[in-house]
Amino acid sequence: MNGHALDIGFPLGAIPPPAVLSYGPLATAVLGLVVVAVLTVPAFHFDHPGETDLLTICFVSALSVFVSYVRSRRDARPDLERTVAEAAQRAVVPPVPERVGRVRCTGPYRAAERGTLVGGDFFDVREGPHGVRAVMGDVRGHGLSAISTVASLLGAFREAALDRPDLESVAARLDRRLVVDSASAQYSELFATAVLLEFSPDACEVRIVSCGHPAPVLLHGRKATEIDLAPWTPLGLGLSDGTPSDGITLSLDPGDSLILASDGVSETRDTSGAFYPLAARLAALADEDPTALADRVRTDLVRYAPAVLDDVTILVLTPGSPDGR
């Protein structure tokens, strides 16, 4: 050190490289220029760096800017892919209306956050000549390939909900759709689980058929009961010549709600490995506003588990009168 001059060129030159971890190329370049300016402006009272030292610092700063640029481009690509994929997902599985016929509907969805772009859950509620029909399911896999399968199944459901005379034949139509798609090498080994519901015209009864999917939960006031429903085989296993024969019909009281959840809910575990007990926790989450119930369940699920690794879809269906009550 000469007089009051300080020789800290090396510590200052080490500033730009760590910047690439948090900042873009412009901010990294600004930091590099600041370092060079601090070392060369006499007012700062630093030792004048030698020509070699100054060139080294300039090279390190330029290299840091280049690395930051590469990192920014790499990080931007997954974000763009996720944005495009999620837009496609919303187009295929749009939010359910607040009311379909005599049934009020709430259905939030969250795709898995484990490096996948989008999930494989699907749901829909449609009114037709045979009453209000609903479906929730989960296709094998994630990503853009799952979207094409979801689109195929929902198209088959929307057509069958209008044409097929009973819920069992709707399930058979979905099964056949996957069997046909699986015949192509591109769509080999496709299968999906699903649960289908059909409300009577007066919404006082509901018919339920399960194809390997978790059974719905019936919420009566603050009493939640998982419906005892024998599941049929999952869709797409080549059993479309048969129809599910174990569906059940339930009577509904005013104010009752049916909660349908994906296996991302039922298979979520806490730190001890225990599965999330949906029916047991609904009593504390339920109130007089069923439209907020799905969001409360999702919030409770996040508190229950350290990490939710699968898609989370919750559909709450509440029969009501035609005037909206």
Protein backbone atom coordinates (compact mmCIF):
# COMPACT_ATOMS: atom_id res chain seq x y z
CA MET A 1 0.00 0.00 0.00
CA ASN A 2 1.42 3.45 -0.99
CA GLY A 3 0.37 6.30 1.35
CA HIS A 4 -3.38 6.26 1.58
CA ALA A 5 -3.88 4.13 -1.53
CA LEU A 6 -5.52 0.76 -1.17
CA ASP A 7 -4.68 -2.35 -3.17
CA ILE A 8 -8.00 -4.19 -3.33
CA GLY A 9 -8.18 -4.90 -7.04
CA PHE A 10 -8.43 -8.64 -6.53
CA PRO A 11 -11.47 -8.52 -4.14
CA LEU A 12 -13.26 -6.06 -6.42
CA GLY A 13 -12.54 -8.19 -9.47
CA ALA A 14 -14.26 -11.12 -7.78
CA ILE A 15 -17.61 -9.28 -7.68
CA PRO A 16 -18.93 -9.92 -11.26
CA PRO A 17 -18.70 -13.77 -11.28
CA PRO A 18 -21.15 -14.36 -8.35
CA ALA A 19 -23.54 -11.84 -9.91
CA VAL A 20 -24.39 -14.30 -12.70
CA LEU A 21 -26.27 -16.45 -10.19
CA SER A 22 -28.85 -13.76 -9.42
CA TYR A 23 -28.73 -11.06 -12.09
CA GLY A 24 -29.17 -10.76 -15.81
CA PRO A 25 -26.47 -9.78 -18.31
CA LEU A 26 -27.23 -6.04 -18.10
CA ALA A 27 -26.89 -5.88 -14.32
CA THR A 28 -23.75 -8.01 -14.47
CA ALA A 29 -22.24 -5.67 -17.06
CA VAL A 30 -23.04 -2.65 -14.88
CA LEU A 31 -21.28 -4.27 -11.91
CA GLY A 32 -18.24 -5.01 -14.08
CA LEU A 33 -18.08 -1.40 -15.28
CA VAL A 34 -18.39 -0.13 -11.72
CA VAL A 35 -15.46 -2.31 -10.65
CA VAL A 36 -13.28 -1.02 -13.50
CA ALA A 37 -14.32 2.57 -12.75
CA VAL A 38 -13.54 2.26 -9.06
CA LEU A 39 -10.06 0.93 -9.80
CA THR A 40 -9.16 3.55 -12.41
CA VAL A 41 -10.71 6.79 -11.07
CA PRO A 42 -8.10 8.63 -8.95
CA ALA A 43 -10.71 10.11 -6.61
CA PHE A 44 -11.20 6.71 -4.97
CA HIS A 45 -7.55 6.61 -3.83
CA PHE A 46 -6.92 3.02 -4.91
CA ASP A 47 -3.62 1.80 -6.28
CA HIS A 48 -3.53 2.13 -10.04
CA PRO A 49 -3.78 -1.44 -11.29
CA GLY A 50 -1.23 -2.68 -13.74
CA GLU A 51 -2.20 -3.19 -17.35
CA THR A 52 -2.31 -6.97 -16.93
CA ASP A 53 -4.49 -6.73 -13.81
CA LEU A 54 -6.91 -4.38 -15.51
CA LEU A 55 -7.19 -6.59 -18.59
CA THR A 56 -7.79 -9.61 -16.35
CA ILE A 57 -10.62 -7.84 -14.53
CA CYS A 58 -12.16 -6.72 -17.84
CA PHE A 59 -11.94 -10.29 -19.17
CA VAL A 60 -13.56 -11.73 -16.03
CA SER A 61 -16.35 -9.13 -16.23
CA ALA A 62 -16.99 -9.85 -19.93
CA LEU A 63 -17.00 -13.59 -19.28
CA SER A 64 -19.46 -13.08 -16.42
CA VAL A 65 -21.79 -11.13 -18.73
CA PHE A 66 -21.68 -13.95 -21.28
CA VAL A 67 -22.39 -16.63 -18.64
CA SER A 68 -25.27 -14.55 -17.29
CA TYR A 69 -26.71 -14.25 -20.82
CA VAL A 70 -26.53 -18.02 -21.36
CA ARG A 71 -28.12 -18.69 -17.98
CA SER A 72 -30.94 -16.22 -18.64
CA ARG A 73 -31.73 -17.82 -22.01
CA ARG A 74 -31.67 -21.29 -20.46
CA ASP A 75 -33.98 -20.26 -17.62
CA ALA A 76 -36.38 -18.47 -19.96
CA ARG A 77 -37.07 -21.53 -22.11
CA PRO A 78 -38.76 -23.67 -19.41
CA ASP A 79 -40.82 -20.64 -18.37
CA LEU A 80 -42.00 -20.17 -21.95
CA GLU A 81 -42.78 -23.87 -22.32
CA ARG A 82 -44.73 -23.86 -19.06
CA THR A 83 -46.70 -20.79 -20.14
CA VAL A 84 -47.62 -22.36 -23.48
CA ALA A 85 -48.49 -25.72 -21.92
CA GLU A 86 -50.61 -24.17 -19.17
CA ALA A 87 -52.46 -22.08 -21.76
CA ALA A 88 -53.19 -25.29 -23.67
CA GLN A 89 -54.35 -26.93 -20.43
CA ARG A 90 -56.77 -24.07 -19.70
CA ALA A 91 -58.11 -24.31 -23.25
CA VAL A 92 -58.74 -28.05 -22.90
CA VAL A 93 -59.96 -27.98 -19.27
CA PRO A 94 -61.55 -24.57 -18.74
CA PRO A 95 -62.89 -23.56 -15.31
CA VAL A 96 -66.30 -25.03 -14.56
CA PRO A 97 -69.25 -22.62 -14.57
CA GLU A 98 -70.59 -21.49 -11.21
CA ARG A 99 -73.85 -23.30 -11.97
CA VAL A 100 -74.86 -26.03 -14.38
CA GLY A 101 -78.61 -26.63 -14.31
CA ARG A 102 -79.56 -27.15 -10.68
CA VAL A 103 -75.99 -27.87 -9.56
CA ARG A 104 -73.55 -25.30 -8.19
CA CYS A 105 -69.94 -26.06 -9.09
CA THR A 106 -66.51 -25.12 -7.76
CA GLY A 107 -63.39 -26.72 -9.15
CA PRO A 108 -59.88 -25.32 -8.59
CA TYR A 109 -56.95 -27.12 -10.17
CA ARG A 110 -53.20 -27.03 -9.53
CA ALA A 111 -50.71 -28.92 -11.66
CA ALA A 112 -47.88 -30.81 -10.02
CA GLU A 113 -44.75 -28.76 -9.19
CA ARG A 114 -42.07 -31.34 -9.78
CA GLY A 115 -40.58 -30.30 -13.11
CA THR A 116 -43.60 -31.29 -15.19
CA LEU A 117 -45.28 -28.71 -17.36
CA VAL A 118 -48.89 -29.64 -16.80
CA GLY A 119 -50.79 -32.43 -15.13
CA GLY A 120 -53.15 -35.15 -16.21
CA ASP A 121 -56.26 -34.36 -14.17
CA PHE A 122 -59.48 -33.52 -15.98
CA PHE A 123 -63.05 -32.64 -15.04
CA ASP A 124 -66.22 -31.31 -16.59
CA VAL A 125 -69.88 -30.73 -15.75
CA ARG A 126 -72.50 -30.78 -18.51
CA GLU A 127 -76.27 -30.47 -18.68
CA GLY A 128 -78.13 -32.68 -21.15
CA PRO A 129 -81.41 -34.45 -21.78
CA HIS A 130 -80.66 -36.94 -19.01
CA GLY A 131 -79.83 -34.36 -16.33
CA VAL A 132 -76.54 -32.87 -15.18
CA ARG A 133 -73.56 -35.18 -15.69
CA ALA A 134 -70.07 -34.68 -14.28
CA VAL A 135 -66.72 -36.40 -14.62
CA MET A 136 -63.41 -36.20 -12.82
CA GLY A 137 -60.42 -38.28 -13.79
CA ASP A 138 -56.68 -38.63 -14.04
CA VAL A 139 -54.83 -39.82 -17.12
CA ARG A 140 -51.49 -41.61 -17.05
CA GLY A 141 -48.55 -39.25 -17.29
CA HIS A 142 -48.00 -35.49 -17.37
CA GLY A 143 -47.01 -32.85 -19.88
CA LEU A 144 -48.22 -32.15 -23.39
CA SER A 145 -48.91 -35.82 -24.12
CA ALA A 146 -51.33 -35.87 -21.19
CA ILE A 147 -53.15 -32.85 -22.62
CA SER A 148 -53.92 -34.71 -25.85
CA THR A 149 -55.34 -37.64 -23.88
CA VAL A 150 -57.37 -35.31 -21.69
CA ALA A 151 -58.75 -33.56 -24.78
CA SER A 152 -59.74 -36.91 -26.29
CA LEU A 153 -61.51 -38.08 -23.12
CA LEU A 154 -63.33 -34.81 -22.53
CA GLY A 155 -64.52 -34.75 -26.13
CA ALA A 156 -65.88 -38.27 -25.73
CA PHE A 157 -67.55 -37.34 -22.43
CA ARG A 158 -69.22 -34.22 -23.81
CA GLU A 159 -70.66 -36.19 -26.70
CA ALA A 160 -71.70 -39.19 -24.59
CA ALA A 161 -73.28 -36.95 -21.94
CA LEU A 162 -75.77 -35.84 -24.59
CA ASP A 163 -76.30 -39.14 -26.41
CA ARG A 164 -75.95 -42.07 -24.02
CA PRO A 165 -79.04 -43.09 -22.05
CA ASP A 166 -77.28 -44.00 -18.78
CA LEU A 167 -74.11 -43.27 -16.89
CA GLU A 168 -72.66 -46.75 -17.35
CA SER A 169 -72.73 -46.41 -21.11
CA VAL A 170 -71.00 -43.03 -20.80
CA ALA A 171 -68.17 -44.77 -18.93
CA ALA A 172 -68.02 -47.46 -21.61
CA ARG A 173 -67.71 -44.76 -24.29
CA LEU A 174 -64.74 -43.22 -22.50
CA ASP A 175 -63.13 -46.63 -22.17
CA ARG A 176 -63.54 -47.27 -25.89
CA ARG A 177 -62.05 -43.87 -26.71
CA LEU A 178 -58.84 -44.76 -24.87
CA VAL A 179 -58.75 -48.24 -26.42
CA VAL A 180 -58.91 -46.70 -29.90
CA ASP A 181 -56.23 -44.13 -29.06
CA SER A 182 -53.99 -46.85 -27.63
CA ALA A 183 -54.07 -48.70 -30.94
CA SER A 184 -51.65 -46.09 -32.26
CA ALA A 185 -48.02 -46.55 -31.30
CA GLN A 186 -47.90 -42.89 -30.34
CA TYR A 187 -50.55 -43.46 -27.69
CA SER A 188 -49.64 -46.91 -26.44
CA GLU A 189 -50.55 -48.11 -22.97
CA LEU A 190 -53.04 -45.34 -22.24
CA PHE A 191 -55.28 -45.65 -19.23
CA ALA A 192 -57.12 -43.32 -16.88
CA THR A 193 -59.14 -43.40 -13.71
CA ALA A 194 -62.45 -41.56 -13.54
CA VAL A 195 -65.56 -41.09 -11.47
CA LEU A 196 -68.82 -40.08 -13.18
CA LEU A 197 -71.98 -38.59 -11.69
CA GLU A 198 -75.48 -38.07 -13.01
CA PHE A 199 -77.97 -35.87 -11.14
CA SER A 200 -81.66 -36.48 -11.62
CA PRO A 201 -83.63 -33.63 -13.27
CA ASP A 202 -84.82 -32.41 -9.85
CA ALA A 203 -81.30 -32.89 -8.36
CA CYS A 204 -82.72 -34.96 -5.51
CA GLU A 205 -80.75 -38.07 -6.53
CA VAL A 206 -77.33 -38.76 -7.95
CA ARG A 207 -76.02 -41.82 -9.76
CA ILE A 208 -72.28 -42.49 -9.29
CA VAL A 209 -69.97 -44.80 -11.22
CA SER A 210 -66.26 -45.17 -10.41
CA CYS A 211 -63.63 -46.44 -12.83
CA GLY A 212 -60.69 -46.92 -10.48
CA HIS A 213 -60.92 -43.38 -9.07
CA PRO A 214 -61.20 -42.37 -5.39
CA ALA A 215 -64.84 -42.32 -4.27
CA PRO A 216 -66.58 -38.97 -3.70
CA VAL A 217 -67.27 -37.68 -0.20
CA LEU A 218 -70.83 -36.71 0.76
CA LEU A 219 -70.99 -33.64 2.99
CA HIS A 220 -74.24 -33.30 4.95
CA GLY A 221 -73.97 -30.24 7.16
CA ARG A 222 -70.67 -30.83 8.94
CA LYS A 223 -70.82 -34.61 8.62
CA ALA A 224 -68.58 -35.99 5.88
CA THR A 225 -68.94 -39.59 4.69
CA GLU A 226 -66.87 -41.29 2.01
CA ILE A 227 -69.29 -43.06 -0.31
CA ASP A 228 -68.96 -46.83 -0.26
CA LEU A 229 -68.51 -47.39 -3.97
CA ALA A 230 -67.04 -50.49 -5.60
CA PRO A 231 -64.81 -49.26 -8.45
CA TRP A 232 -64.89 -50.67 -11.95
CA THR A 233 -61.62 -51.17 -13.80
CA PRO A 234 -59.74 -48.07 -15.01
CA LEU A 235 -60.55 -46.75 -18.46
CA GLY A 236 -58.53 -47.88 -21.46
CA LEU A 237 -57.86 -51.50 -20.49
CA GLY A 238 -59.82 -52.94 -23.38
CA LEU A 239 -63.00 -53.71 -21.44
CA SER A 240 -65.36 -51.51 -23.41
CA ASP A 241 -67.50 -54.50 -24.41
CA GLY A 242 -68.68 -54.60 -20.81
CA THR A 243 -70.18 -51.85 -18.67
CA PRO A 244 -69.64 -51.01 -15.00
CA SER A 245 -72.28 -52.73 -12.90
CA ASP A 246 -71.46 -51.46 -9.42
CA GLY A 247 -72.70 -47.88 -9.61
CA ILE A 248 -74.95 -46.64 -6.85
CA THR A 249 -77.78 -44.12 -6.55
CA LEU A 250 -77.97 -41.77 -3.55
CA SER A 251 -80.73 -39.51 -2.30
CA LEU A 252 -79.66 -35.94 -1.61
CA ASP A 253 -81.03 -33.51 0.94
CA PRO A 254 -81.05 -29.73 0.39
CA GLY A 255 -77.62 -28.32 1.13
CA ASP A 256 -75.74 -31.58 0.61
CA SER A 257 -72.47 -31.37 -1.31
CA LEU A 258 -70.41 -33.96 -3.14
CA ILE A 259 -66.65 -33.49 -3.02
CA LEU A 260 -64.62 -35.14 -5.78
CA ALA A 261 -60.86 -35.14 -5.38
CA SER A 262 -57.98 -36.41 -7.48
CA ASP A 263 -55.52 -38.93 -6.11
CA GLY A 264 -53.15 -36.00 -5.62
CA VAL A 265 -55.32 -35.23 -2.58
CA SER A 266 -55.93 -38.73 -1.24
CA GLU A 267 -52.31 -39.86 -1.72
CA THR A 268 -50.62 -36.83 -0.17
CA ARG A 269 -48.66 -37.81 2.96
CA ASP A 270 -47.51 -35.90 6.01
CA THR A 271 -44.05 -36.18 7.55
CA SER A 272 -45.01 -39.44 9.28
CA GLY A 273 -46.20 -41.01 6.00
CA ALA A 274 -49.93 -40.87 6.83
CA PHE A 275 -52.30 -40.18 3.92
CA TYR A 276 -54.39 -37.02 3.95
CA PRO A 277 -57.76 -37.91 5.62
CA LEU A 278 -60.10 -35.86 3.45
CA ALA A 279 -63.38 -37.01 4.98
CA ALA A 280 -62.11 -36.60 8.54
CA ARG A 281 -60.87 -33.03 7.95
CA LEU A 282 -63.90 -31.81 6.01
CA ALA A 283 -65.98 -31.39 9.18
CA ALA A 284 -63.68 -28.62 10.40
CA LEU A 285 -63.43 -27.01 6.96
CA ALA A 286 -67.11 -26.96 6.02
CA ASP A 287 -69.36 -23.95 6.55
CA GLU A 288 -72.43 -22.48 4.88
CA ASP A 289 -70.51 -21.42 1.75
CA PRO A 290 -69.70 -24.50 -0.36
CA THR A 291 -68.09 -22.35 -3.07
CA ALA A 292 -65.11 -21.67 -0.78
CA LEU A 293 -64.76 -25.26 0.40
CA ALA A 294 -62.41 -26.38 -2.38
CA ASP A 295 -59.96 -23.56 -1.66
CA ARG A 296 -60.04 -24.33 2.06
CA VAL A 297 -59.27 -28.00 1.39
CA ARG A 298 -56.35 -27.07 -0.84
CA THR A 299 -54.96 -24.68 1.79
CA ASP A 300 -55.35 -27.35 4.47
CA LEU A 301 -53.60 -29.88 2.24
CA VAL A 302 -50.57 -27.60 1.89
CA ARG A 303 -50.40 -27.23 5.67
CA TYR A 304 -50.73 -31.00 6.14
CA ALA A 305 -47.91 -32.06 3.84
CA PRO A 306 -44.38 -30.67 3.53
CA ALA A 307 -44.62 -30.96 -0.26
CA VAL A 308 -47.56 -31.72 -2.56
CA LEU A 309 -46.00 -33.70 -5.40
CA ASP A 310 -49.01 -34.60 -7.54
CA ASP A 311 -51.77 -32.72 -9.31
CA VAL A 312 -54.43 -31.38 -6.97
CA THR A 313 -57.97 -31.15 -8.30
CA ILE A 314 -61.05 -30.68 -6.14
CA LEU A 315 -64.58 -30.44 -7.50
CA VAL A 316 -67.47 -29.49 -5.19
CA LEU A 317 -70.99 -30.10 -6.54
CA THR A 318 -73.94 -28.75 -4.57
CA PRO A 319 -77.48 -29.35 -5.88
CA GLY A 320 -79.78 -26.37 -5.42
CA SER A 321 -82.99 -24.83 -6.64
CA PRO A 322 -83.27 -23.25 -10.09
CA ASP A 323 -83.25 -19.72 -8.58
CA GLY A 324 -79.68 -20.25 -7.45
CA ARG A 325 -80.18 -21.04 -3.75
